[in-house]
């Protein structure tokens, strides 16, 4: 059974070298939990996982601090693997995944499990009051060009992790060459 954390406020986080939000949540015992995140986090997750829905991105970043580590059983959603009676493996990370789609599905499974088993973050404003998460909805600042640049960085890192370097190198004469 998971604990419900209620978002009660979202504010700009002061005294920081980069713009950040502070998301204050009330825990079931009445104590406060504060999640501080850089304002670029939603843009990064959009680039990393190919997700454009701001609501889904907020759901991801609000649950990431509570994420439950992946286990072999989590791939039980993979009917093809079950049908082939293959050994299930743990969900791949962003860098380990074969594709952005696979990485996003892995993340979705981990977040769903976190919400079901550990912490479920909700925002239920009182009648007549604005939703505290509207601050993030209205100020997320996801820019398509910056997102594309971040996507290229992620793709390059994934490639280098898998293959040990880039496929194109610079030759001693300064011209591009293909790595053999």
C-alpha atoms as a PDB file:
ATOM      1  CA  UNK A   1       0.000   0.000   0.000  1.00  0.00           C
ATOM      2  CA  UNK A   2       1.398   3.370  -0.926  1.00  0.00           C
ATOM      3  CA  UNK A   3       1.373   6.587   1.056  1.00  0.00           C
ATOM      4  CA  UNK A   4      -0.396   9.605  -0.403  1.00  0.00           C
ATOM      5  CA  UNK A   5       1.632  12.822  -0.489  1.00  0.00           C
ATOM      6  CA  UNK A   6      -0.504  15.915  -1.176  1.00  0.00           C
ATOM      7  CA  UNK A   7       1.034  18.825  -3.069  1.00  0.00           C
ATOM      8  CA  UNK A   8       0.260  21.940  -1.070  1.00  0.00           C
ATOM      9  CA  UNK A   9       2.525  24.536  -2.712  1.00  0.00           C
ATOM     10  CA  UNK A  10       4.938  25.109  -5.581  1.00  0.00           C
ATOM     11  CA  UNK A  11       7.295  28.056  -5.278  1.00  0.00           C
ATOM     12  CA  UNK A  12      10.464  29.354  -6.853  1.00  0.00           C
ATOM     13  CA  UNK A  13      13.378  28.002  -4.859  1.00  0.00           C
ATOM     14  CA  UNK A  14      15.604  30.845  -3.613  1.00  0.00           C
ATOM     15  CA  UNK A  15      19.376  30.883  -3.191  1.00  0.00           C
ATOM     16  CA  UNK A  16      20.202  28.703  -6.150  1.00  0.00           C
ATOM     17  CA  UNK A  17      22.618  29.156  -9.027  1.00  0.00           C
ATOM     18  CA  UNK A  18      20.022  27.739 -11.440  1.00  0.00           C
ATOM     19  CA  UNK A  19      16.256  28.255 -11.528  1.00  0.00           C
ATOM     20  CA  UNK A  20      14.454  25.662  -9.397  1.00  0.00           C
ATOM     21  CA  UNK A  21      11.028  24.885  -8.013  1.00  0.00           C
ATOM     22  CA  UNK A  22      10.271  23.759  -4.495  1.00  0.00           C
ATOM     23  CA  UNK A  23       7.307  21.391  -4.398  1.00  0.00           C
ATOM     24  CA  UNK A  24       5.965  21.128  -0.863  1.00  0.00           C
ATOM     25  CA  UNK A  25       3.931  18.027  -0.022  1.00  0.00           C
ATOM     26  CA  UNK A  26       2.061  17.000   3.079  1.00  0.00           C
ATOM     27  CA  UNK A  27       2.787  13.414   4.139  1.00  0.00           C
ATOM     28  CA  UNK A  28       0.105  11.212   5.767  1.00  0.00           C
ATOM     29  CA  UNK A  29       1.599  11.911   9.209  1.00  0.00           C
ATOM     30  CA  UNK A  30       1.182  15.660   8.643  1.00  0.00           C
ATOM     31  CA  UNK A  31       4.896  16.347   8.196  1.00  0.00           C
ATOM     32  CA  UNK A  32       6.219  18.287   5.234  1.00  0.00           C
ATOM     33  CA  UNK A  33       8.242  16.811   2.379  1.00  0.00           C
ATOM     34  CA  UNK A  34       9.970  19.242   0.013  1.00  0.00           C
ATOM     35  CA  UNK A  35      11.121  18.179  -3.441  1.00  0.00           C
ATOM     36  CA  UNK A  36      13.444  20.707  -5.079  1.00  0.00           C
ATOM     37  CA  UNK A  37      13.969  20.311  -8.799  1.00  0.00           C
ATOM     38  CA  UNK A  38      15.664  22.351 -11.503  1.00  0.00           C
ATOM     39  CA  UNK A  39      13.158  24.033 -13.812  1.00  0.00           C
ATOM     40  CA  UNK A  40      14.887  22.326 -16.754  1.00  0.00           C
ATOM     41  CA  UNK A  41      13.940  18.872 -15.412  1.00  0.00           C
ATOM     42  CA  UNK A  42      10.740  18.535 -17.459  1.00  0.00           C
ATOM     43  CA  UNK A  43      12.597  19.551 -20.620  1.00  0.00           C
ATOM     44  CA  UNK A  44      15.298  16.960 -19.870  1.00  0.00           C
ATOM     45  CA  UNK A  45      12.752  14.175 -19.316  1.00  0.00           C
ATOM     46  CA  UNK A  46      10.934  15.178 -22.506  1.00  0.00           C
ATOM     47  CA  UNK A  47      14.221  14.877 -24.417  1.00  0.00           C
ATOM     48  CA  UNK A  48      15.385  11.707 -22.673  1.00  0.00           C
ATOM     49  CA  UNK A  49      12.180   9.728 -23.045  1.00  0.00           C
ATOM     50  CA  UNK A  50      10.441  11.323 -26.042  1.00  0.00           C
ATOM     51  CA  UNK A  51       7.472  12.341 -23.895  1.00  0.00           C
ATOM     52  CA  UNK A  52       5.651  15.559 -24.820  1.00  0.00           C
ATOM     53  CA  UNK A  53       2.720  15.460 -22.389  1.00  0.00           C
ATOM     54  CA  UNK A  54       3.416  17.966 -19.598  1.00  0.00           C
ATOM     55  CA  UNK A  55       1.035  16.145 -17.220  1.00  0.00           C
ATOM     56  CA  UNK A  56       2.935  12.882 -17.672  1.00  0.00           C
ATOM     57  CA  UNK A  57       6.281  14.653 -17.296  1.00  0.00           C
ATOM     58  CA  UNK A  58       5.121  16.227 -14.015  1.00  0.00           C
ATOM     59  CA  UNK A  59       3.910  12.840 -12.792  1.00  0.00           C
ATOM     60  CA  UNK A  60       7.331  11.355 -13.568  1.00  0.00           C
ATOM     61  CA  UNK A  61       9.415  14.048 -11.887  1.00  0.00           C
ATOM     62  CA  UNK A  62       7.183  14.151  -8.806  1.00  0.00           C
ATOM     63  CA  UNK A  63       7.594  10.395  -8.295  1.00  0.00           C
ATOM     64  CA  UNK A  64      11.269  10.002  -9.285  1.00  0.00           C
ATOM     65  CA  UNK A  65      12.637  10.658  -5.782  1.00  0.00           C
ATOM     66  CA  UNK A  66      10.602   7.722  -4.476  1.00  0.00           C
ATOM     67  CA  UNK A  67      11.310   5.348  -7.360  1.00  0.00           C
ATOM     68  CA  UNK A  68      11.518   1.676  -6.514  1.00  0.00           C
ATOM     69  CA  UNK A  69      14.470  -0.113  -8.134  1.00  0.00           C
ATOM     70  CA  UNK A  70      13.623  -2.284 -11.129  1.00  0.00           C
ATOM     71  CA  UNK A  71      13.295  -6.038 -10.677  1.00  0.00           C
ATOM     72  CA  UNK A  72      13.065  -9.001 -13.028  1.00  0.00           C
ATOM     73  CA  UNK A  73       9.384  -9.435 -12.258  1.00  0.00           C
ATOM     74  CA  UNK A  74       8.577  -6.013 -13.661  1.00  0.00           C
ATOM     75  CA  UNK A  75       8.807  -7.325 -17.176  1.00  0.00           C
ATOM     76  CA  UNK A  76       5.726  -9.451 -16.585  1.00  0.00           C
ATOM     77  CA  UNK A  77       3.924  -6.886 -18.779  1.00  0.00           C
ATOM     78  CA  UNK A  78       5.963  -8.249 -21.721  1.00  0.00           C
ATOM     79  CA  UNK A  79       3.571 -10.899 -23.059  1.00  0.00           C
ATOM     80  CA  UNK A  80       5.910 -11.859 -25.923  1.00  0.00           C
ATOM     81  CA  UNK A  81       8.698 -12.701 -23.473  1.00  0.00           C
ATOM     82  CA  UNK A  82       6.307 -14.733 -21.323  1.00  0.00           C
ATOM     83  CA  UNK A  83       4.891 -16.565 -24.329  1.00  0.00           C
ATOM     84  CA  UNK A  84       8.363 -17.485 -25.536  1.00  0.00           C
ATOM     85  CA  UNK A  85       9.113 -18.666 -21.986  1.00  0.00           C
ATOM     86  CA  UNK A  86      12.277 -16.599 -21.949  1.00  0.00           C
ATOM     87  CA  UNK A  87      13.935 -15.529 -18.749  1.00  0.00           C
ATOM     88  CA  UNK A  88      12.680 -12.115 -17.763  1.00  0.00           C
ATOM     89  CA  UNK A  89      15.357  -9.500 -17.206  1.00  0.00           C
ATOM     90  CA  UNK A  90      15.317  -6.284 -15.275  1.00  0.00           C
ATOM     91  CA  UNK A  91      14.040  -3.155 -16.918  1.00  0.00           C
ATOM     92  CA  UNK A  92      16.722  -1.218 -18.784  1.00  0.00           C
ATOM     93  CA  UNK A  93      17.782   2.254 -17.748  1.00  0.00           C
ATOM     94  CA  UNK A  94      17.744   5.271 -20.044  1.00  0.00           C
ATOM     95  CA  UNK A  95      21.251   4.473 -21.279  1.00  0.00           C
ATOM     96  CA  UNK A  96      20.869   0.670 -21.370  1.00  0.00           C
ATOM     97  CA  UNK A  97      17.650   0.704 -23.394  1.00  0.00           C
ATOM     98  CA  UNK A  98      17.759  -0.188 -27.074  1.00  0.00           C
ATOM     99  CA  UNK A  99      15.535   2.769 -27.906  1.00  0.00           C
ATOM    100  CA  UNK A 100      13.853   5.820 -26.465  1.00  0.00           C
ATOM    101  CA  UNK A 101      10.548   3.949 -26.599  1.00  0.00           C
ATOM    102  CA  UNK A 102      11.954   1.065 -24.526  1.00  0.00           C
ATOM    103  CA  UNK A 103      13.461   3.515 -22.021  1.00  0.00           C
ATOM    104  CA  UNK A 104      10.136   5.364 -21.680  1.00  0.00           C
ATOM    105  CA  UNK A 105       8.221   2.108 -21.132  1.00  0.00           C
ATOM    106  CA  UNK A 106      10.728   1.046 -18.459  1.00  0.00           C
ATOM    107  CA  UNK A 107      10.347   4.357 -16.692  1.00  0.00           C
ATOM    108  CA  UNK A 108       6.548   4.177 -16.862  1.00  0.00           C
ATOM    109  CA  UNK A 109       6.576   0.724 -15.258  1.00  0.00           C
ATOM    110  CA  UNK A 110       8.889   1.893 -12.445  1.00  0.00           C
ATOM    111  CA  UNK A 111       6.800   5.014 -11.790  1.00  0.00           C
ATOM    112  CA  UNK A 112       3.553   3.001 -11.782  1.00  0.00           C
ATOM    113  CA  UNK A 113       5.057   0.548  -9.308  1.00  0.00           C
ATOM    114  CA  UNK A 114       6.295   3.413  -7.120  1.00  0.00           C
ATOM    115  CA  UNK A 115       2.814   4.957  -7.071  1.00  0.00           C
ATOM    116  CA  UNK A 116       1.188   1.626  -6.243  1.00  0.00           C
ATOM    117  CA  UNK A 117       3.669   0.434  -3.616  1.00  0.00           C
ATOM    118  CA  UNK A 118       5.482   3.377  -2.093  1.00  0.00           C
ATOM    119  CA  UNK A 119       4.325   6.976  -2.629  1.00  0.00           C
ATOM    120  CA  UNK A 120       1.525   8.436  -4.731  1.00  0.00           C
ATOM    121  CA  UNK A 121       1.778  12.200  -5.190  1.00  0.00           C
ATOM    122  CA  UNK A 122      -1.549  13.973  -5.688  1.00  0.00           C
ATOM    123  CA  UNK A 123      -2.682  17.549  -6.008  1.00  0.00           C
ATOM    124  CA  UNK A 124      -6.213  18.187  -4.832  1.00  0.00           C
ATOM    125  CA  UNK A 125      -6.756  21.915  -4.397  1.00  0.00           C
ATOM    126  CA  UNK A 126      -9.529  23.124  -2.152  1.00  0.00           C
ATOM    127  CA  UNK A 127     -12.663  24.374  -3.875  1.00  0.00           C
ATOM    128  CA  UNK A 128     -12.050  27.793  -5.377  1.00  0.00           C
ATOM    129  CA  UNK A 129      -8.276  27.543  -4.953  1.00  0.00           C
ATOM    130  CA  UNK A 130      -5.822  27.134  -7.853  1.00  0.00           C
ATOM    131  CA  UNK A 131      -3.952  23.858  -8.251  1.00  0.00           C
ATOM    132  CA  UNK A 132      -0.416  24.375  -6.873  1.00  0.00           C
ATOM    133  CA  UNK A 133       0.943  22.428  -9.866  1.00  0.00           C
ATOM    134  CA  UNK A 134      -0.418  25.139 -12.207  1.00  0.00           C
ATOM    135  CA  UNK A 135       2.818  27.025 -11.529  1.00  0.00           C
ATOM    136  CA  UNK A 136       4.776  24.238 -13.219  1.00  0.00           C
ATOM    137  CA  UNK A 137       2.155  23.747 -15.944  1.00  0.00           C
ATOM    138  CA  UNK A 138       2.319  27.444 -16.812  1.00  0.00           C
ATOM    139  CA  UNK A 139       6.079  27.979 -16.412  1.00  0.00           C
ATOM    140  CA  UNK A 140       7.675  24.690 -17.549  1.00  0.00           C
ATOM    141  CA  UNK A 141       9.460  26.476 -20.396  1.00  0.00           C
ATOM    142  CA  UNK A 142       9.999  23.425 -22.610  1.00  0.00           C
ATOM    143  CA  UNK A 143      11.584  24.797 -25.764  1.00  0.00           C
ATOM    144  CA  UNK A 144      11.633  22.564 -28.886  1.00  0.00           C
ATOM    145  CA  UNK A 145      15.145  23.642 -29.899  1.00  0.00           C
ATOM    146  CA  UNK A 146      16.683  23.079 -26.454  1.00  0.00           C
ATOM    147  CA  UNK A 147      14.803  19.780 -26.231  1.00  0.00           C
ATOM    148  CA  UNK A 148      16.303  18.706 -29.584  1.00  0.00           C
ATOM    149  CA  UNK A 149      19.796  19.609 -28.372  1.00  0.00           C
ATOM    150  CA  UNK A 150      19.287  17.604 -25.186  1.00  0.00           C
ATOM    151  CA  UNK A 151      17.911  14.685 -27.232  1.00  0.00           C
ATOM    152  CA  UNK A 152      21.121  14.697 -29.304  1.00  0.00           C
ATOM    153  CA  UNK A 153      23.223  14.627 -26.129  1.00  0.00           C
ATOM    154  CA  UNK A 154      21.251  11.665 -24.788  1.00  0.00           C
ATOM    155  CA  UNK A 155      21.509   9.780 -28.092  1.00  0.00           C
ATOM    156  CA  UNK A 156      25.252  10.432 -28.222  1.00  0.00           C
ATOM    157  CA  UNK A 157      25.736   9.208 -24.650  1.00  0.00           C
ATOM    158  CA  UNK A 158      23.698   6.070 -25.347  1.00  0.00           C
ATOM    159  CA  UNK A 159      25.758   5.393 -28.493  1.00  0.00           C
ATOM    160  CA  UNK A 160      29.090   5.954 -26.719  1.00  0.00           C
ATOM    161  CA  UNK A 161      28.073   3.738 -23.790  1.00  0.00           C
ATOM    162  CA  UNK A 162      27.088   0.936 -26.128  1.00  0.00           C
ATOM    163  CA  UNK A 163      29.870   1.259 -28.697  1.00  0.00           C
ATOM    164  CA  UNK A 164      32.771   2.891 -26.876  1.00  0.00           C
ATOM    165  CA  UNK A 165      32.976   6.035 -28.959  1.00  0.00           C
ATOM    166  CA  UNK A 166      31.507   7.928 -31.856  1.00  0.00           C
ATOM    167  CA  UNK A 167      31.358   6.409 -35.347  1.00  0.00           C
ATOM    168  CA  UNK A 168      32.844   9.512 -36.954  1.00  0.00           C
ATOM    169  CA  UNK A 169      36.265  10.758 -35.950  1.00  0.00           C
ATOM    170  CA  UNK A 170      38.512  13.519 -37.129  1.00  0.00           C
ATOM    171  CA  UNK A 171      41.551  12.452 -39.137  1.00  0.00           C
ATOM    172  CA  UNK A 172      44.991  14.008 -38.556  1.00  0.00           C
ATOM    173  CA  UNK A 173      44.353  16.265 -41.569  1.00  0.00           C
ATOM    174  CA  UNK A 174      41.239  17.601 -39.814  1.00  0.00           C
ATOM    175  CA  UNK A 175      38.792  15.867 -42.152  1.00  0.00           C
ATOM    176  CA  UNK A 176      36.067  13.610 -40.881  1.00  0.00           C
ATOM    177  CA  UNK A 177      36.634   9.911 -41.207  1.00  0.00           C
ATOM    178  CA  UNK A 178      34.731   6.786 -40.321  1.00  0.00           C
ATOM    179  CA  UNK A 179      35.853   4.745 -37.349  1.00  0.00           C
ATOM    180  CA  UNK A 180      36.628   1.183 -38.360  1.00  0.00           C
END
